[in-house]
Structure formats: C-alpha cells, structure tokens
Amino acid sequence: MLIECGTRAVLAAAFGPGTAGETTYAERMLDRLTSGTLVLLDTGFDGYSL
C-alpha cells in the first residue's frame, strides 16, 4: 500500500497471492508516484532496484 503519512490516506494498493512477493506488488504501484515524491520503503526493498 502507498499511504500518505500526514492524513494516512490510502493512495494505492495492490493485491494478489502471497507467493508473488512484495516487489511484484510494488512494481504495480510505481505509476502512482510523481516526481518529488518521497517514499519510505520497508527493509525488504534494500537490495531491489526500483
């Protein structure tokens, strides 16, 4: 999920089987990001180039 920190509004969400993995779902939401967006990622994304 992409959540706005101040208001906690849900900006985007991706769903599917647990076997797909978090990075698969993250790729589905990349188009929701704009230039200048600050994204805080979970530790599982440190070795994955997005």
C-alpha atoms as a PDB file:
ATOM      1  CA  MET A   1       0.000   0.000   0.000  1.00  0.00           C
ATOM      2  CA  LEU A   2       1.009   3.586  -0.580  1.00  0.00           C
ATOM      3  CA  ILE A   3      -0.194   5.672   2.338  1.00  0.00           C
ATOM      4  CA  GLU A   4       0.133   9.419   2.872  1.00  0.00           C
ATOM      5  CA  CYS A   5       1.900   9.978   6.194  1.00  0.00           C
ATOM      6  CA  GLY A   6       0.039  13.048   7.487  1.00  0.00           C
ATOM      7  CA  THR A   7      -3.541  12.048   6.808  1.00  0.00           C
ATOM      8  CA  ARG A   8      -2.960   8.286   6.445  1.00  0.00           C
ATOM      9  CA  ALA A   9      -4.952   8.371   3.221  1.00  0.00           C
ATOM     10  CA  VAL A  10      -4.538   5.289   1.030  1.00  0.00           C
ATOM     11  CA  LEU A  11      -3.099   6.404  -2.321  1.00  0.00           C
ATOM     12  CA  ALA A  12      -2.772   2.980  -3.938  1.00  0.00           C
ATOM     13  CA  ALA A  13      -2.951  -0.709  -3.109  1.00  0.00           C
ATOM     14  CA  ALA A  14      -2.027  -3.933  -4.887  1.00  0.00           C
ATOM     15  CA  PHE A  15      -3.394  -7.363  -4.068  1.00  0.00           C
ATOM     16  CA  GLY A  16      -2.711 -10.942  -5.077  1.00  0.00           C
ATOM     17  CA  PRO A  17      -1.308 -14.244  -3.856  1.00  0.00           C
ATOM     18  CA  GLY A  18       1.381 -14.257  -1.206  1.00  0.00           C
ATOM     19  CA  THR A  19       3.625 -16.266  -3.493  1.00  0.00           C
ATOM     20  CA  ALA A  20       4.098 -13.269  -5.821  1.00  0.00           C
ATOM     21  CA  GLY A  21       6.178 -11.289  -3.306  1.00  0.00           C
ATOM     22  CA  GLU A  22       6.228  -7.670  -2.169  1.00  0.00           C
ATOM     23  CA  THR A  23       8.396  -6.377  -5.004  1.00  0.00           C
ATOM     24  CA  THR A  24       5.867  -7.622  -7.567  1.00  0.00           C
ATOM     25  CA  TYR A  25       3.152  -5.560  -5.917  1.00  0.00           C
ATOM     26  CA  ALA A  26       5.437  -2.543  -5.533  1.00  0.00           C
ATOM     27  CA  GLU A  27       6.065  -2.531  -9.289  1.00  0.00           C
ATOM     28  CA  ARG A  28       2.311  -2.388  -9.881  1.00  0.00           C
ATOM     29  CA  MET A  29       2.094   0.884  -7.946  1.00  0.00           C
ATOM     30  CA  LEU A  30       5.096   2.725  -9.386  1.00  0.00           C
ATOM     31  CA  ASP A  31       2.909   4.665 -11.805  1.00  0.00           C
ATOM     32  CA  ARG A  32       1.205   6.302  -8.793  1.00  0.00           C
ATOM     33  CA  LEU A  33       4.436   8.062  -7.803  1.00  0.00           C
ATOM     34  CA  THR A  34       5.241  11.501  -9.156  1.00  0.00           C
ATOM     35  CA  SER A  35       8.445  13.485  -9.422  1.00  0.00           C
ATOM     36  CA  GLY A  36       9.376  14.785  -5.983  1.00  0.00           C
ATOM     37  CA  THR A  37       7.541  12.054  -4.065  1.00  0.00           C
ATOM     38  CA  LEU A  38       9.420  10.847  -1.011  1.00  0.00           C
ATOM     39  CA  VAL A  39       8.958   7.112  -0.473  1.00  0.00           C
ATOM     40  CA  LEU A  40       9.906   5.257   2.694  1.00  0.00           C
ATOM     41  CA  LEU A  41      10.437   1.589   1.893  1.00  0.00           C
ATOM     42  CA  ASP A  42      10.411  -1.462   4.093  1.00  0.00           C
ATOM     43  CA  THR A  43      13.788  -3.135   4.769  1.00  0.00           C
ATOM     44  CA  GLY A  44      12.983  -5.905   2.304  1.00  0.00           C
ATOM     45  CA  PHE A  45      13.475  -3.491  -0.613  1.00  0.00           C
ATOM     46  CA  ASP A  46      17.102  -2.506   0.135  1.00  0.00           C
ATOM     47  CA  GLY A  47      18.556  -4.940  -2.396  1.00  0.00           C
ATOM     48  CA  TYR A  48      15.980  -4.357  -5.112  1.00  0.00           C
ATOM     49  CA  SER A  49      16.397  -1.590  -7.667  1.00  0.00           C
ATOM     50  CA  LEU A  50      13.104   0.192  -8.205  1.00  0.00           C
END
